[in-house]
Amino acid sequence: MLVSYTIKLYLSQHSQELAQLCILMHRAHYFR
């Protein structure tokens, strides 16, 4: 339970960077 809370906290802090990374990966996949 503590682990899931830590993960949620981490994701909430880095969701913006993760979203940008996912978008870059998505574009790289289609424009390869």
C-alpha atoms as a PDB file:
ATOM      1  CA  MET A   1       0.000   0.000   0.000  1.00  0.00           C
ATOM      2  CA  LEU A   2       2.852   2.361   0.828  1.00  0.00           C
ATOM      3  CA  VAL A   3       4.506   1.428  -2.455  1.00  0.00           C
ATOM      4  CA  SER A   4       1.389   2.265  -4.480  1.00  0.00           C
ATOM      5  CA  TYR A   5       1.117   5.582  -2.639  1.00  0.00           C
ATOM      6  CA  THR A   6       4.751   6.354  -3.463  1.00  0.00           C
ATOM      7  CA  ILE A   7       4.160   5.484  -7.110  1.00  0.00           C
ATOM      8  CA  LYS A   8       1.097   7.716  -7.254  1.00  0.00           C
ATOM      9  CA  LEU A   9       3.047  10.539  -5.645  1.00  0.00           C
ATOM     10  CA  TYR A  10       5.901  10.063  -8.110  1.00  0.00           C
ATOM     11  CA  LEU A  11       3.541   9.959 -11.086  1.00  0.00           C
ATOM     12  CA  SER A  12       1.698  13.057  -9.902  1.00  0.00           C
ATOM     13  CA  GLN A  13       5.009  14.918  -9.699  1.00  0.00           C
ATOM     14  CA  HIS A  14       6.354  13.668 -13.034  1.00  0.00           C
ATOM     15  CA  SER A  15       3.161  13.175 -15.044  1.00  0.00           C
ATOM     16  CA  GLN A  16       4.009  16.160 -17.246  1.00  0.00           C
ATOM     17  CA  GLU A  17       7.438  14.796 -18.201  1.00  0.00           C
ATOM     18  CA  LEU A  18       5.999  11.324 -18.701  1.00  0.00           C
ATOM     19  CA  ALA A  19       3.284  12.709 -20.957  1.00  0.00           C
ATOM     20  CA  GLN A  20       5.833  14.585 -23.059  1.00  0.00           C
ATOM     21  CA  LEU A  21       8.010  11.478 -23.255  1.00  0.00           C
ATOM     22  CA  CYS A  22       5.039   9.367 -24.363  1.00  0.00           C
ATOM     23  CA  ILE A  23       4.196  11.948 -27.041  1.00  0.00           C
ATOM     24  CA  LEU A  24       7.793  11.945 -28.300  1.00  0.00           C
ATOM     25  CA  MET A  25       7.848   8.138 -28.391  1.00  0.00           C
ATOM     26  CA  HIS A  26       4.498   8.147 -30.203  1.00  0.00           C
ATOM     27  CA  ARG A  27       5.742  10.597 -32.836  1.00  0.00           C
ATOM     28  CA  ALA A  28       9.026   8.717 -33.233  1.00  0.00           C
ATOM     29  CA  HIS A  29       7.037   5.529 -33.860  1.00  0.00           C
ATOM     30  CA  TYR A  30       4.982   7.100 -36.646  1.00  0.00           C
ATOM     31  CA  PHE A  31       7.687   9.208 -38.277  1.00  0.00           C
ATOM     32  CA  ARG A  32      10.301   6.480 -38.220  1.00  0.00           C
END
